[in-house]
N, C-alpha and C. Protein backbone atom coordinates (compact mmCIF):
# COMPACT_ATOMS: atom_id res chain seq x y z
N MET A 1 -6.45 -35.56 -8.26
CA MET A 1 -6.93 -36.92 -8.95
C MET A 1 -6.30 -37.39 -10.15
N PRO A 2 -5.59 -36.06 -10.81
CA PRO A 2 -5.67 -36.28 -12.53
C PRO A 2 -4.79 -37.95 -12.15
N ARG A 3 -3.42 -37.79 -11.18
CA ARG A 3 -2.40 -38.77 -10.98
C ARG A 3 -3.56 -40.62 -11.17
N ILE A 4 -4.26 -40.19 -9.97
CA ILE A 4 -5.72 -41.56 -9.72
C ILE A 4 -6.43 -41.58 -11.30
N LEU A 5 -6.17 -41.37 -12.05
CA LEU A 5 -7.70 -40.77 -13.55
C LEU A 5 -6.49 -41.84 -14.87
N LEU A 6 -5.29 -41.22 -14.75
CA LEU A 6 -4.29 -42.13 -15.54
C LEU A 6 -3.57 -43.34 -15.24
N HIS A 7 -3.30 -44.09 -13.91
CA HIS A 7 -3.30 -45.33 -13.94
C HIS A 7 -5.09 -45.75 -13.45
N ALA A 8 -5.72 -45.42 -13.38
CA ALA A 8 -7.26 -45.88 -14.07
C ALA A 8 -7.67 -46.30 -15.79
N GLU A 9 -6.79 -44.97 -16.32
CA GLU A 9 -6.55 -45.02 -17.98
C GLU A 9 -5.81 -46.21 -18.16
N GLY A 10 -4.48 -46.70 -17.72
CA GLY A 10 -3.32 -46.93 -17.99
C GLY A 10 -4.42 -48.39 -17.58
N PHE A 11 -5.28 -49.19 -16.37
CA PHE A 11 -5.83 -50.38 -16.32
C PHE A 11 -7.20 -50.79 -17.10
N ALA A 12 -7.09 -49.50 -17.64
CA ALA A 12 -8.64 -49.83 -18.74
C ALA A 12 -8.09 -50.31 -20.25
N VAL A 13 -6.47 -50.25 -20.45
CA VAL A 13 -6.31 -50.28 -21.93
C VAL A 13 -5.40 -51.57 -22.03
N LEU A 14 -4.63 -52.38 -20.35
CA LEU A 14 -4.77 -53.33 -20.17
C LEU A 14 -5.86 -53.82 -20.12
N THR A 15 -6.63 -53.54 -20.15
CA THR A 15 -8.46 -54.80 -19.30
C THR A 15 -8.78 -54.45 -20.84
N VAL A 16 -8.41 -54.15 -21.17
CA VAL A 16 -8.58 -54.51 -23.25
C VAL A 16 -7.98 -54.50 -23.91
N ALA A 17 -7.09 -54.55 -24.09
CA ALA A 17 -6.20 -55.38 -24.51
C ALA A 17 -6.15 -57.02 -24.43
N VAL A 18 -6.06 -57.21 -23.55
CA VAL A 18 -6.22 -58.06 -22.87
C VAL A 18 -7.70 -59.00 -22.80
N ALA A 19 -8.69 -58.13 -23.45
CA ALA A 19 -9.69 -58.88 -23.25
C ALA A 19 -10.01 -59.39 -25.06
N ALA A 20 -9.47 -58.43 -25.46
CA ALA A 20 -9.55 -58.24 -27.17
C ALA A 20 -8.46 -59.35 -27.69
N TYR A 21 -7.44 -59.65 -27.21
CA TYR A 21 -6.69 -60.96 -27.35
C TYR A 21 -6.95 -62.41 -26.87
N HIS A 22 -7.80 -61.93 -25.92
CA HIS A 22 -9.06 -63.81 -25.57
C HIS A 22 -9.40 -63.78 -26.53
N GLN A 23 -10.37 -62.27 -27.16
CA GLN A 23 -11.28 -62.81 -28.40
C GLN A 23 -10.74 -63.86 -29.35
N LEU A 24 -9.76 -63.39 -30.03
CA LEU A 24 -9.08 -63.57 -31.02
C LEU A 24 -8.17 -65.10 -30.55
N ASN A 25 -8.36 -65.03 -29.18
CA ASN A 25 -7.65 -66.51 -29.19
C ASN A 25 -6.13 -66.52 -29.33
N GLY A 26 -5.15 -65.65 -29.04
CA GLY A 26 -4.21 -65.22 -28.78
C GLY A 26 -3.85 -66.24 -27.94
N SER A 27 -2.20 -67.23 -28.40
CA SER A 27 -1.13 -67.71 -27.70
C SER A 27 -1.19 -66.66 -26.08
N TRP A 28 -0.76 -67.56 -25.03
CA TRP A 28 -0.88 -66.60 -23.77
C TRP A 28 0.47 -67.35 -23.52
N LEU A 29 0.88 -68.09 -23.57
CA LEU A 29 2.05 -68.38 -24.34
C LEU A 29 3.10 -66.70 -25.03
N LEU A 30 2.28 -66.89 -25.93
CA LEU A 30 3.46 -65.73 -26.84
C LEU A 30 3.42 -64.59 -26.35
N PHE A 31 1.51 -64.97 -25.58
CA PHE A 31 1.82 -63.37 -24.48
C PHE A 31 3.12 -63.28 -23.89
N LEU A 32 3.06 -63.65 -22.71
CA LEU A 32 3.56 -63.34 -22.11
C LEU A 32 5.57 -64.06 -22.58
N LEU A 33 6.03 -64.84 -23.21
CA LEU A 33 7.18 -64.36 -23.98
C LEU A 33 7.11 -62.62 -23.93
N LEU A 34 5.92 -62.39 -25.47
CA LEU A 34 6.42 -61.17 -25.77
C LEU A 34 6.24 -60.06 -24.62
N PHE A 35 5.54 -59.68 -23.76
CA PHE A 35 4.64 -58.96 -22.68
C PHE A 35 5.87 -57.82 -22.72
N LEU A 36 7.23 -58.06 -21.96
CA LEU A 36 7.69 -57.21 -21.67
C LEU A 36 9.23 -56.40 -22.83
N TRP A 37 8.56 -57.11 -24.40
CA TRP A 37 9.52 -56.53 -25.18
C TRP A 37 9.96 -54.83 -25.44
N PRO A 38 8.39 -54.15 -24.54
CA PRO A 38 8.90 -52.89 -25.07
C PRO A 38 10.81 -53.01 -24.21
N ASP A 39 10.24 -53.18 -23.47
CA ASP A 39 11.64 -52.44 -22.08
C ASP A 39 12.84 -52.76 -22.67
N LEU A 40 12.90 -53.55 -23.49
CA LEU A 40 14.21 -53.86 -24.75
C LEU A 40 15.29 -52.25 -24.90
N PHE A 41 13.70 -51.15 -25.12
CA PHE A 41 14.32 -50.61 -25.18
C PHE A 41 14.85 -49.19 -24.80
N MET A 42 14.66 -49.93 -22.93
CA MET A 42 15.56 -49.62 -22.41
C MET A 42 17.29 -48.88 -22.46
N LEU A 43 17.64 -50.73 -23.53
CA LEU A 43 19.03 -49.98 -23.78
C LEU A 43 19.79 -49.57 -24.83
N GLY A 44 18.73 -48.24 -25.21
CA GLY A 44 19.25 -47.02 -25.63
C GLY A 44 19.64 -46.16 -24.35
N TYR A 45 19.24 -46.10 -23.34
CA TYR A 45 20.07 -45.72 -21.72
C TYR A 45 21.19 -45.68 -22.22
N LEU A 46 22.04 -47.10 -22.81
CA LEU A 46 23.31 -47.65 -22.31
C LEU A 46 24.20 -46.25 -24.10
N ALA A 47 24.18 -45.09 -24.08
CA ALA A 47 24.37 -44.42 -25.45
C ALA A 47 24.12 -43.16 -24.41
N ASN A 48 23.19 -42.53 -24.05
CA ASN A 48 23.47 -41.79 -23.19
C ASN A 48 21.39 -41.27 -22.65
N VAL A 49 20.94 -40.88 -21.30
CA VAL A 49 19.55 -39.87 -20.94
C VAL A 49 19.19 -39.56 -22.60
N ARG A 50 19.56 -38.76 -23.25
CA ARG A 50 19.37 -38.51 -23.99
C ARG A 50 18.32 -39.34 -24.70
N VAL A 51 19.24 -40.73 -25.80
CA VAL A 51 18.40 -41.17 -26.34
C VAL A 51 18.01 -42.86 -25.46
N GLY A 52 18.12 -42.98 -24.42
CA GLY A 52 17.46 -43.91 -23.10
C GLY A 52 15.99 -43.33 -23.66
N ALA A 53 15.69 -41.59 -23.06
CA ALA A 53 14.34 -41.65 -23.03
C ALA A 53 13.96 -42.04 -24.36
N ALA A 54 13.94 -41.58 -25.63
CA ALA A 54 13.68 -40.76 -26.82
C ALA A 54 13.30 -42.61 -27.46
N THR A 55 14.29 -43.93 -26.85
CA THR A 55 13.73 -45.10 -27.35
C THR A 55 13.22 -45.38 -26.55
N TYR A 56 12.66 -45.51 -25.10
CA TYR A 56 11.97 -45.61 -24.34
C TYR A 56 10.46 -45.41 -24.70
N ASN A 57 10.64 -43.97 -25.36
CA ASN A 57 9.48 -43.72 -25.41
C ASN A 57 8.55 -43.85 -26.56
N LEU A 58 9.43 -44.20 -27.68
CA LEU A 58 9.54 -45.14 -29.39
C LEU A 58 8.58 -45.59 -28.97
N ALA A 59 8.86 -46.79 -27.43
CA ALA A 59 8.33 -48.52 -27.15
C ALA A 59 7.17 -48.23 -26.53
N HIS A 60 7.12 -46.92 -25.64
CA HIS A 60 5.73 -46.98 -24.74
C HIS A 60 4.79 -45.89 -24.77
N THR A 61 4.79 -44.94 -25.85
CA THR A 61 3.96 -44.36 -26.28
C THR A 61 2.40 -45.18 -27.31
N GLU A 62 1.51 -44.58 -26.93
CA GLU A 62 0.21 -45.38 -27.58
C GLU A 62 0.17 -45.06 -29.19
N VAL A 63 0.83 -44.53 -29.19
CA VAL A 63 0.52 -44.12 -31.06
C VAL A 63 0.84 -45.62 -32.15
N LEU A 64 2.10 -45.98 -32.48
CA LEU A 64 2.92 -47.26 -32.92
C LEU A 64 1.65 -48.20 -32.80
N PRO A 65 1.68 -48.74 -31.75
CA PRO A 65 0.36 -50.00 -31.77
C PRO A 65 -1.17 -49.16 -32.06
N LEU A 66 -1.16 -48.37 -32.06
CA LEU A 66 -2.60 -48.26 -32.72
C LEU A 66 -2.62 -47.56 -33.83
N LEU A 67 -1.71 -47.44 -34.43
CA LEU A 67 -1.49 -47.46 -36.00
C LEU A 67 -1.14 -48.55 -37.07
N VAL A 68 -0.58 -49.03 -35.75
CA VAL A 68 -0.05 -50.71 -36.74
C VAL A 68 -1.59 -51.72 -36.30
N GLY A 69 -1.46 -51.10 -35.16
CA GLY A 69 -3.32 -52.36 -34.80
C GLY A 69 -4.56 -52.07 -36.43
N ALA A 70 -4.28 -50.59 -36.07
CA ALA A 70 -5.56 -50.12 -36.71
C ALA A 70 -5.38 -51.06 -39.06
N ALA A 71 -3.93 -50.64 -38.59
CA ALA A 71 -3.98 -51.30 -39.87
C ALA A 71 -4.10 -52.67 -39.96
N ALA A 72 -3.67 -53.34 -39.26
CA ALA A 72 -3.81 -55.25 -39.17
C ALA A 72 -5.09 -54.90 -39.28
N ALA A 73 -6.01 -54.46 -38.32
CA ALA A 73 -7.71 -55.15 -38.27
C ALA A 73 -8.61 -54.71 -39.07
N PHE A 74 -7.39 -53.76 -40.62
CA PHE A 74 -8.41 -53.38 -41.47
C PHE A 74 -7.93 -54.47 -42.33
N GLU A 75 -6.76 -54.60 -42.40
CA GLU A 75 -6.08 -55.66 -43.26
C GLU A 75 -6.18 -56.88 -43.29
N GLY A 76 -6.61 -57.42 -42.10
CA GLY A 76 -6.92 -59.03 -41.72
C GLY A 76 -5.42 -59.99 -40.70
N TRP A 77 -4.29 -58.76 -40.78
CA TRP A 77 -3.49 -59.12 -40.22
C TRP A 77 -3.82 -59.63 -39.21
N ARG A 78 -3.82 -60.96 -38.94
CA ARG A 78 -4.00 -61.66 -37.46
C ARG A 78 -2.85 -61.04 -36.96
N GLY A 79 -1.34 -62.36 -37.01
CA GLY A 79 -0.19 -61.95 -36.22
C GLY A 79 0.09 -60.30 -35.92
N PRO A 80 0.02 -59.58 -36.88
CA PRO A 80 0.17 -58.18 -36.26
C PRO A 80 -0.32 -57.77 -35.01
N LEU A 81 -1.84 -57.99 -35.85
CA LEU A 81 -2.56 -57.43 -34.32
C LEU A 81 -2.45 -58.30 -32.84
N LEU A 82 -2.33 -59.40 -32.80
CA LEU A 82 -2.29 -59.88 -31.34
C LEU A 82 -0.89 -58.70 -31.24
N PHE A 83 0.38 -58.95 -31.88
CA PHE A 83 1.11 -58.38 -31.28
C PHE A 83 0.84 -57.01 -30.69
N CYS A 84 -0.16 -56.47 -32.00
CA CYS A 84 -0.02 -55.12 -31.12
C CYS A 84 -0.78 -55.01 -29.62
N LEU A 85 -1.75 -55.61 -29.97
CA LEU A 85 -2.41 -55.95 -28.86
C LEU A 85 -1.63 -56.37 -27.33
N ILE A 86 -0.54 -57.18 -27.33
CA ILE A 86 0.40 -57.63 -26.13
C ILE A 86 0.93 -56.40 -26.02
N TRP A 87 1.79 -54.94 -26.68
CA TRP A 87 1.97 -53.54 -27.16
C TRP A 87 1.14 -52.82 -25.81
N MET A 88 0.16 -53.07 -26.44
CA MET A 88 -0.92 -52.44 -25.64
C MET A 88 -1.47 -52.32 -24.64
N ALA A 89 -1.10 -54.04 -24.49
CA ALA A 89 -1.28 -54.52 -23.44
C ALA A 89 -0.27 -53.76 -21.74
N HIS A 90 1.08 -54.15 -22.22
CA HIS A 90 2.69 -54.02 -21.60
C HIS A 90 2.33 -52.10 -21.35
N ILE A 91 2.39 -51.25 -22.29
CA ILE A 91 1.82 -49.90 -22.05
C ILE A 91 0.53 -49.43 -20.93
N GLY A 92 -0.25 -50.17 -20.71
CA GLY A 92 -1.61 -49.47 -19.85
C GLY A 92 -1.18 -50.90 -18.41
N PHE A 93 -0.25 -51.85 -18.78
CA PHE A 93 0.09 -52.50 -17.06
C PHE A 93 1.01 -51.73 -17.02
N ASP A 94 2.13 -51.30 -17.35
CA ASP A 94 3.29 -49.45 -17.32
C ASP A 94 2.58 -48.44 -16.10
N ARG A 95 1.24 -47.87 -17.22
CA ARG A 95 1.20 -47.02 -16.29
C ARG A 95 -0.06 -47.11 -15.44
N THR A 96 -0.61 -48.10 -15.49
CA THR A 96 -1.71 -48.08 -14.28
C THR A 96 -0.05 -48.56 -12.70
N LEU A 97 1.09 -49.03 -13.31
CA LEU A 97 2.13 -49.33 -12.28
C LEU A 97 2.74 -47.52 -11.75
N GLY A 98 2.45 -46.93 -12.82
CA GLY A 98 2.75 -45.66 -12.50
C GLY A 98 3.61 -44.93 -13.39
N TYR A 99 4.12 -45.80 -13.73
CA TYR A 99 5.49 -46.08 -15.28
C TYR A 99 5.22 -44.82 -16.43
N GLY A 100 5.39 -44.21 -16.71
CA GLY A 100 5.38 -43.05 -17.70
C GLY A 100 6.12 -42.63 -18.79
N LEU A 101 5.93 -42.23 -19.42
CA LEU A 101 7.13 -41.61 -20.59
C LEU A 101 8.34 -41.08 -19.49
N LYS A 102 9.75 -40.73 -20.18
CA LYS A 102 10.22 -40.33 -19.81
C LYS A 102 11.26 -39.16 -20.08
N TYR A 103 11.53 -38.61 -19.14
CA TYR A 103 11.97 -37.10 -19.66
C TYR A 103 13.36 -37.31 -19.92
N PRO A 104 13.99 -36.38 -20.26
CA PRO A 104 15.75 -36.76 -21.01
C PRO A 104 16.40 -36.33 -19.79
N THR A 105 16.23 -36.26 -18.39
CA THR A 105 16.56 -35.67 -17.21
C THR A 105 17.01 -37.04 -17.00
N PHE A 106 16.99 -37.66 -16.18
CA PHE A 106 17.31 -39.21 -15.49
C PHE A 106 15.93 -40.28 -15.38
N PHE A 107 16.78 -41.41 -15.62
CA PHE A 107 15.33 -42.80 -15.95
C PHE A 107 14.47 -42.86 -15.27
N LYS A 108 14.53 -41.64 -13.99
CA LYS A 108 13.39 -42.20 -13.00
C LYS A 108 12.22 -41.00 -13.53
N ASP A 109 12.90 -40.64 -13.83
CA ASP A 109 11.97 -39.01 -14.47
C ASP A 109 10.56 -39.76 -14.82
N THR A 110 9.10 -39.34 -14.91
CA THR A 110 7.79 -39.51 -15.74
C THR A 110 7.16 -38.93 -16.18
N HIS A 111 6.32 -39.04 -16.74
CA HIS A 111 5.45 -37.57 -16.64
C HIS A 111 4.53 -38.01 -15.84
N LEU A 112 4.19 -38.71 -14.99
CA LEU A 112 3.05 -39.39 -14.20
C LEU A 112 3.97 -39.02 -12.40
N GLN A 113 5.30 -39.35 -12.68
CA GLN A 113 5.59 -39.34 -11.41
C GLN A 113 7.70 -39.04 -11.39
N ARG A 114 8.33 -38.69 -10.62
CA ARG A 114 9.36 -39.63 -10.44
C ARG A 114 9.30 -40.60 -9.53
N VAL A 115 9.41 -42.18 -10.28
CA VAL A 115 9.78 -43.15 -9.93
C VAL A 115 10.58 -43.65 -8.54
N SER A 116 10.13 -43.94 -7.75
CA SER A 116 11.15 -44.06 -6.14
C SER A 116 12.04 -45.71 -6.55
């Protein structure tokens, strides 16, 4: 049951981020171009699994996009807010598919499941 709830939570994050992006009339071309940018942080695995997990998790936790997005909304910075919505959509999409934060053991070990 917790796994189902975590997947549903990811889908809710994805849905709200995409709806907010649409409401703000963001460019869908930009959305498509930037949607996978957080996955660039997997390059940390080229150093080692510990660095890889740390860099991947930095880009795949909701803390940074929420904090930056809140500051952007408060200050009226449209570009950074749209960027953070794309970022949140990516995280929500990953969680919907069952991809979670990484443990520093193996790439496939996540907080949601062992990815096969």
